[in-house]
Amino acid sequence: NNREKDTLFNNIKLLQDCYEALMS
């Protein structure tokens, strides 16, 4: 419906970045 706005990338990218930085 909202193209890239509805993707997992748009929704959790920053959270995944935070998680990976924390684990690193």
PDB file of all heavy atoms in Angstrom:
ATOM      1  N   ASN A   1       0.810  -1.215   0.000  1.00  0.00           N
ATOM      2  CA  ASN A   1       0.000   0.000   0.000  1.00  0.00           C
ATOM      3  C   ASN A   1       0.845   1.268   0.000  1.00  0.00           C
ATOM      4  O   ASN A   1       0.572   2.218  -0.732  1.00  0.00           O
ATOM      5  CB  ASN A   1      -0.943   0.001   1.209  1.00  0.00           C
ATOM      6  CG  ASN A   1      -2.089  -0.978   1.040  1.00  0.00           C
ATOM      7  OD1 ASN A   1      -2.418  -1.364  -0.077  1.00  0.00           O
ATOM      8  ND2 ASN A   1      -2.671  -1.401   2.140  1.00  0.00           N
ATOM      9  N   ASN A   2       1.873   1.292   0.842  1.00  0.00           N
ATOM     10  CA  ASN A   2       2.724   2.482   0.957  1.00  0.00           C
ATOM     11  C   ASN A   2       4.142   2.233   0.460  1.00  0.00           C
ATOM     12  O   ASN A   2       5.090   2.848   0.945  1.00  0.00           O
ATOM     13  CB  ASN A   2       2.750   2.965   2.414  1.00  0.00           C
ATOM     14  CG  ASN A   2       1.379   3.352   2.914  1.00  0.00           C
ATOM     15  OD1 ASN A   2       0.732   4.242   2.362  1.00  0.00           O
ATOM     16  ND2 ASN A   2       0.906   2.672   3.955  1.00  0.00           N
ATOM     17  N   ARG A   3       4.276   1.297  -0.464  1.00  0.00           N
ATOM     18  CA  ARG A   3       5.562   0.962  -1.073  1.00  0.00           C
ATOM     19  C   ARG A   3       6.633   0.736  -0.012  1.00  0.00           C
ATOM     20  O   ARG A   3       6.444  -0.068   0.888  1.00  0.00           O
ATOM     21  CB  ARG A   3       5.952   2.052  -2.078  1.00  0.00           C
ATOM     22  CG  ARG A   3       4.937   2.211  -3.213  1.00  0.00           C
ATOM     23  CD  ARG A   3       5.234   3.364  -4.124  1.00  0.00           C
ATOM     24  NE  ARG A   3       6.373   3.108  -4.991  1.00  0.00           N
ATOM     25  CZ  ARG A   3       6.758   3.953  -5.942  1.00  0.00           C
ATOM     26  NH1 ARG A   3       6.094   5.088  -6.147  1.00  0.00           N
ATOM     27  NH2 ARG A   3       7.786   3.656  -6.701  1.00  0.00           N
ATOM     28  N   GLU A   4       7.767   1.444  -0.096  1.00  0.00           N
ATOM     29  CA  GLU A   4       8.871   1.185   0.831  1.00  0.00           C
ATOM     30  C   GLU A   4       8.533   1.530   2.278  1.00  0.00           C
ATOM     31  O   GLU A   4       9.178   1.050   3.214  1.00  0.00           O
ATOM     32  CB  GLU A   4      10.128   1.945   0.397  1.00  0.00           C
ATOM     33  CG  GLU A   4      10.024   3.456   0.484  1.00  0.00           C
ATOM     34  CD  GLU A   4       9.498   4.080  -0.799  1.00  0.00           C
ATOM     35  OE1 GLU A   4       9.063   3.326  -1.690  1.00  0.00           O
ATOM     36  OE2 GLU A   4       9.526   5.311  -0.897  1.00  0.00           O
ATOM     37  N   LYS A   5       7.508   2.355   2.499  1.00  0.00           N
ATOM     38  CA  LYS A   5       7.123   2.726   3.865  1.00  0.00           C
ATOM     39  C   LYS A   5       6.571   1.536   4.631  1.00  0.00           C
ATOM     40  O   LYS A   5       6.560   1.538   5.874  1.00  0.00           O
ATOM     41  CB  LYS A   5       6.078   3.841   3.843  1.00  0.00           C
ATOM     42  CG  LYS A   5       6.550   5.136   3.194  1.00  0.00           C
ATOM     43  CD  LYS A   5       7.690   5.762   3.958  1.00  0.00           C
ATOM     44  CE  LYS A   5       8.100   7.103   3.332  1.00  0.00           C
ATOM     45  NZ  LYS A   5       9.253   7.707   4.032  1.00  0.00           N
ATOM     46  N   ASP A   6       6.092   0.500   3.920  1.00  0.00           N
ATOM     47  CA  ASP A   6       5.527  -0.688   4.568  1.00  0.00           C
ATOM     48  C   ASP A   6       6.514  -1.842   4.647  1.00  0.00           C
ATOM     49  O   ASP A   6       6.138  -2.945   5.065  1.00  0.00           O
ATOM     50  CB  ASP A   6       4.268  -1.155   3.818  1.00  0.00           C
ATOM     51  CG  ASP A   6       3.070  -0.266   4.094  1.00  0.00           C
ATOM     52  OD1 ASP A   6       3.102   0.479   5.091  1.00  0.00           O
ATOM     53  OD2 ASP A   6       2.103  -0.317   3.315  1.00  0.00           O
ATOM     54  N   THR A   7       7.761  -1.622   4.264  1.00  0.00           N
ATOM     55  CA  THR A   7       8.732  -2.710   4.258  1.00  0.00           C
ATOM     56  C   THR A   7       9.343  -2.905   5.640  1.00  0.00           C
ATOM     57  O   THR A   7       9.348  -2.010   6.487  1.00  0.00           O
ATOM     58  CB  THR A   7       9.872  -2.429   3.259  1.00  0.00           C
ATOM     59  OG1 THR A   7      10.545  -1.216   3.644  1.00  0.00           O
ATOM     60  CG2 THR A   7       9.342  -2.285   1.842  1.00  0.00           C
ATOM     61  N   LEU A   8       9.883  -4.097   5.847  1.00  0.00           N
ATOM     62  CA  LEU A   8      10.602  -4.374   7.091  1.00  0.00           C
ATOM     63  C   LEU A   8      11.819  -3.475   7.219  1.00  0.00           C
ATOM     64  O   LEU A   8      12.183  -3.060   8.325  1.00  0.00           O
ATOM     65  CB  LEU A   8      11.020  -5.849   7.122  1.00  0.00           C
ATOM     66  CG  LEU A   8       9.906  -6.850   7.437  1.00  0.00           C
ATOM     67  CD1 LEU A   8      10.326  -8.259   7.038  1.00  0.00           C
ATOM     68  CD2 LEU A   8       9.557  -6.803   8.913  1.00  0.00           C
ATOM     69  N   PHE A   9      12.457  -3.161   6.091  1.00  0.00           N
ATOM     70  CA  PHE A   9      13.613  -2.257   6.118  1.00  0.00           C
ATOM     71  C   PHE A   9      13.238  -0.929   6.752  1.00  0.00           C
ATOM     72  O   PHE A   9      13.931  -0.424   7.641  1.00  0.00           O
ATOM     73  CB  PHE A   9      14.129  -2.039   4.696  1.00  0.00           C
ATOM     74  CG  PHE A   9      15.150  -0.938   4.576  1.00  0.00           C
ATOM     75  CD1 PHE A   9      16.484  -1.187   4.828  1.00  0.00           C
ATOM     76  CD2 PHE A   9      14.777   0.354   4.221  1.00  0.00           C
ATOM     77  CE1 PHE A   9      17.434  -0.170   4.732  1.00  0.00           C
ATOM     78  CE2 PHE A   9      15.703   1.371   4.126  1.00  0.00           C
ATOM     79  CZ  PHE A   9      17.037   1.110   4.382  1.00  0.00           C
ATOM     80  N   ASN A  10      12.138  -0.357   6.315  1.00  0.00           N
ATOM     81  CA  ASN A  10      11.723   0.940   6.839  1.00  0.00           C
ATOM     82  C   ASN A  10      11.323   0.846   8.316  1.00  0.00           C
ATOM     83  O   ASN A  10      11.583   1.766   9.099  1.00  0.00           O
ATOM     84  CB  ASN A  10      10.547   1.473   6.025  1.00  0.00           C
ATOM     85  CG  ASN A  10      10.093   2.850   6.484  1.00  0.00           C
ATOM     86  OD1 ASN A  10      10.728   3.864   6.217  1.00  0.00           O
ATOM     87  ND2 ASN A  10       8.975   2.906   7.206  1.00  0.00           N
ATOM     88  N   ASN A  11      10.737  -0.277   8.699  1.00  0.00           N
ATOM     89  CA  ASN A  11      10.185  -0.395  10.044  1.00  0.00           C
ATOM     90  C   ASN A  11      11.207  -0.746  11.109  1.00  0.00           C
ATOM     91  O   ASN A  11      11.090  -0.297  12.258  1.00  0.00           O
ATOM     92  CB  ASN A  11       9.056  -1.428  10.052  1.00  0.00           C
ATOM     93  CG  ASN A  11       7.855  -0.972   9.246  1.00  0.00           C
ATOM     94  OD1 ASN A  11       7.644   0.211   9.047  1.00  0.00           O
ATOM     95  ND2 ASN A  11       7.062  -1.922   8.770  1.00  0.00           N
ATOM     96  N   ILE A  12      12.198  -1.580  10.775  1.00  0.00           N
ATOM     97  CA  ILE A  12      13.103  -2.044  11.834  1.00  0.00           C
ATOM     98  C   ILE A  12      14.582  -1.776  11.548  1.00  0.00           C
ATOM     99  O   ILE A  12      15.437  -2.245  12.305  1.00  0.00           O
ATOM    100  CB  ILE A  12      12.909  -3.556  12.098  1.00  0.00           C
ATOM    101  CG1 ILE A  12      13.379  -4.394  10.901  1.00  0.00           C
ATOM    102  CG2 ILE A  12      11.463  -3.862  12.459  1.00  0.00           C
ATOM    103  CD1 ILE A  12      13.390  -5.889  11.203  1.00  0.00           C
ATOM    104  N   LYS A  13      14.896  -1.023  10.491  1.00  0.00           N
ATOM    105  CA  LYS A  13      16.317  -0.766  10.188  1.00  0.00           C
ATOM    106  C   LYS A  13      17.049  -0.148  11.374  1.00  0.00           C
ATOM    107  O   LYS A  13      18.132  -0.614  11.778  1.00  0.00           O
ATOM    108  CB  LYS A  13      16.441   0.157   8.979  1.00  0.00           C
ATOM    109  CG  LYS A  13      17.880   0.608   8.712  1.00  0.00           C
ATOM    110  CD  LYS A  13      17.965   1.712   7.696  1.00  0.00           C
ATOM    111  CE  LYS A  13      19.395   2.167   7.475  1.00  0.00           C
ATOM    112  NZ  LYS A  13      20.012   2.761   8.682  1.00  0.00           N
ATOM    113  N   LEU A  14      16.497   0.907  11.950  1.00  0.00           N
ATOM    114  CA  LEU A  14      17.192   1.595  13.049  1.00  0.00           C
ATOM    115  C   LEU A  14      17.309   0.693  14.275  1.00  0.00           C
ATOM    116  O   LEU A  14      18.329   0.732  14.983  1.00  0.00           O
ATOM    117  CB  LEU A  14      16.448   2.890  13.395  1.00  0.00           C
ATOM    118  CG  LEU A  14      16.420   3.953  12.291  1.00  0.00           C
ATOM    119  CD1 LEU A  14      15.643   5.184  12.745  1.00  0.00           C
ATOM    120  CD2 LEU A  14      17.834   4.350  11.885  1.00  0.00           C
ATOM    121  N   LEU A  15      16.279  -0.107  14.540  1.00  0.00           N
ATOM    122  CA  LEU A  15      16.355  -1.039  15.658  1.00  0.00           C
ATOM    123  C   LEU A  15      17.431  -2.095  15.414  1.00  0.00           C
ATOM    124  O   LEU A  15      18.179  -2.455  16.326  1.00  0.00           O
ATOM    125  CB  LEU A  15      14.999  -1.705  15.870  1.00  0.00           C
ATOM    126  CG  LEU A  15      13.915  -0.852  16.532  1.00  0.00           C
ATOM    127  CD1 LEU A  15      12.559  -1.545  16.444  1.00  0.00           C
ATOM    128  CD2 LEU A  15      14.262  -0.573  17.989  1.00  0.00           C
ATOM    129  N   GLN A  16      17.512  -2.599  14.178  1.00  0.00           N
ATOM    130  CA  GLN A  16      18.543  -3.586  13.869  1.00  0.00           C
ATOM    131  C   GLN A  16      19.933  -2.958  13.972  1.00  0.00           C
ATOM    132  O   GLN A  16      20.866  -3.596  14.481  1.00  0.00           O
ATOM    133  CB  GLN A  16      18.325  -4.171  12.478  1.00  0.00           C
ATOM    134  CG  GLN A  16      19.396  -5.204  12.090  1.00  0.00           C
ATOM    135  CD  GLN A  16      19.087  -5.955  10.816  1.00  0.00           C
ATOM    136  OE1 GLN A  16      17.992  -6.473  10.643  1.00  0.00           O
ATOM    137  NE2 GLN A  16      20.053  -6.012   9.904  1.00  0.00           N
ATOM    138  N   ASP A  17      20.086  -1.723  13.507  1.00  0.00           N
ATOM    139  CA  ASP A  17      21.374  -1.026  13.646  1.00  0.00           C
ATOM    140  C   ASP A  17      21.770  -0.928  15.112  1.00  0.00           C
ATOM    141  O   ASP A  17      22.931  -1.157  15.482  1.00  0.00           O
ATOM    142  CB  ASP A  17      21.286   0.378  13.041  1.00  0.00           C
ATOM    143  CG  ASP A  17      21.216   0.355  11.525  1.00  0.00           C
ATOM    144  OD1 ASP A  17      21.560  -0.681  10.931  1.00  0.00           O
ATOM    145  OD2 ASP A  17      20.815   1.370  10.938  1.00  0.00           O
ATOM    146  N   CYS A  18      20.796  -0.564  15.946  1.00  0.00           N
ATOM    147  CA  CYS A  18      21.047  -0.425  17.382  1.00  0.00           C
ATOM    148  C   CYS A  18      21.465  -1.762  17.986  1.00  0.00           C
ATOM    149  O   CYS A  18      22.412  -1.836  18.773  1.00  0.00           O
ATOM    150  CB  CYS A  18      19.796   0.124  18.071  1.00  0.00           C
ATOM    151  SG  CYS A  18      19.968   0.393  19.836  1.00  0.00           S
ATOM    152  N   TYR A  19      20.771  -2.824  17.604  1.00  0.00           N
ATOM    153  CA  TYR A  19      21.064  -4.158  18.128  1.00  0.00           C
ATOM    154  C   TYR A  19      22.459  -4.605  17.704  1.00  0.00           C
ATOM    155  O   TYR A  19      23.232  -5.126  18.521  1.00  0.00           O
ATOM    156  CB  TYR A  19      20.008  -5.137  17.629  1.00  0.00           C
ATOM    157  CG  TYR A  19      20.110  -6.525  18.221  1.00  0.00           C
ATOM    158  CD1 TYR A  19      19.447  -6.847  19.397  1.00  0.00           C
ATOM    159  CD2 TYR A  19      20.869  -7.518  17.599  1.00  0.00           C
ATOM    160  CE1 TYR A  19      19.533  -8.120  19.945  1.00  0.00           C
ATOM    161  CE2 TYR A  19      20.963  -8.785  18.139  1.00  0.00           C
ATOM    162  CZ  TYR A  19      20.294  -9.080  19.315  1.00  0.00           C
ATOM    163  OH  TYR A  19      20.388 -10.349  19.842  1.00  0.00           O
ATOM    164  N   GLU A  20      22.790  -4.417  16.441  1.00  0.00           N
ATOM    165  CA  GLU A  20      24.103  -4.851  15.942  1.00  0.00           C
ATOM    166  C   GLU A  20      25.229  -4.043  16.583  1.00  0.00           C
ATOM    167  O   GLU A  20      26.294  -4.600  16.910  1.00  0.00           O
ATOM    168  CB  GLU A  20      24.149  -4.725  14.425  1.00  0.00           C
ATOM    169  CG  GLU A  20      23.257  -5.732  13.705  1.00  0.00           C
ATOM    170  CD  GLU A  20      23.313  -5.590  12.197  1.00  0.00           C
ATOM    171  OE1 GLU A  20      23.833  -4.570  11.710  1.00  0.00           O
ATOM    172  OE2 GLU A  20      22.824  -6.503  11.499  1.00  0.00           O
ATOM    173  N   ALA A  21      25.017  -2.738  16.765  1.00  0.00           N
ATOM    174  CA  ALA A  21      26.040  -1.904  17.411  1.00  0.00           C
ATOM    175  C   ALA A  21      26.247  -2.346  18.854  1.00  0.00           C
ATOM    176  O   ALA A  21      27.381  -2.425  19.337  1.00  0.00           O
ATOM    177  CB  ALA A  21      25.636  -0.440  17.342  1.00  0.00           C
ATOM    178  N   LEU A  22      25.143  -2.637  19.547  1.00  0.00           N
ATOM    179  CA  LEU A  22      25.228  -3.097  20.934  1.00  0.00           C
ATOM    180  C   LEU A  22      25.997  -4.409  21.025  1.00  0.00           C
ATOM    181  O   LEU A  22      26.902  -4.567  21.862  1.00  0.00           O
ATOM    182  CB  LEU A  22      23.824  -3.276  21.505  1.00  0.00           C
ATOM    183  CG  LEU A  22      23.720  -3.988  22.860  1.00  0.00           C
ATOM    184  CD1 LEU A  22      24.380  -3.150  23.938  1.00  0.00           C
ATOM    185  CD2 LEU A  22      22.268  -4.289  23.210  1.00  0.00           C
ATOM    186  N   MET A  23      25.646  -5.374  20.159  1.00  0.00           N
ATOM    187  CA  MET A  23      26.325  -6.673  20.189  1.00  0.00           C
ATOM    188  C   MET A  23      27.799  -6.541  19.819  1.00  0.00           C
ATOM    189  O   MET A  23      28.657  -7.243  20.372  1.00  0.00           O
ATOM    190  CB  MET A  23      25.617  -7.645  19.245  1.00  0.00           C
ATOM    191  CG  MET A  23      24.183  -7.980  19.653  1.00  0.00           C
ATOM    192  SD  MET A  23      24.069  -8.688  21.303  1.00  0.00           S
ATOM    193  CE  MET A  23      24.967 -10.223  21.093  1.00  0.00           C
ATOM    194  N   SER A  24      28.102  -5.640  18.891  1.00  0.00           N
ATOM    195  CA  SER A  24      29.502  -5.410  18.518  1.00  0.00           C
ATOM    196  C   SER A  24      30.268  -4.804  19.691  1.00  0.00           C
ATOM    197  O   SER A  24      31.394  -5.220  20.001  1.00  0.00           O
ATOM    198  CB  SER A  24      29.576  -4.492  17.294  1.00  0.00           C
ATOM    199  OG  SER A  24      28.951  -5.083  16.174  1.00  0.00           O
TER     200      SER A  24
END
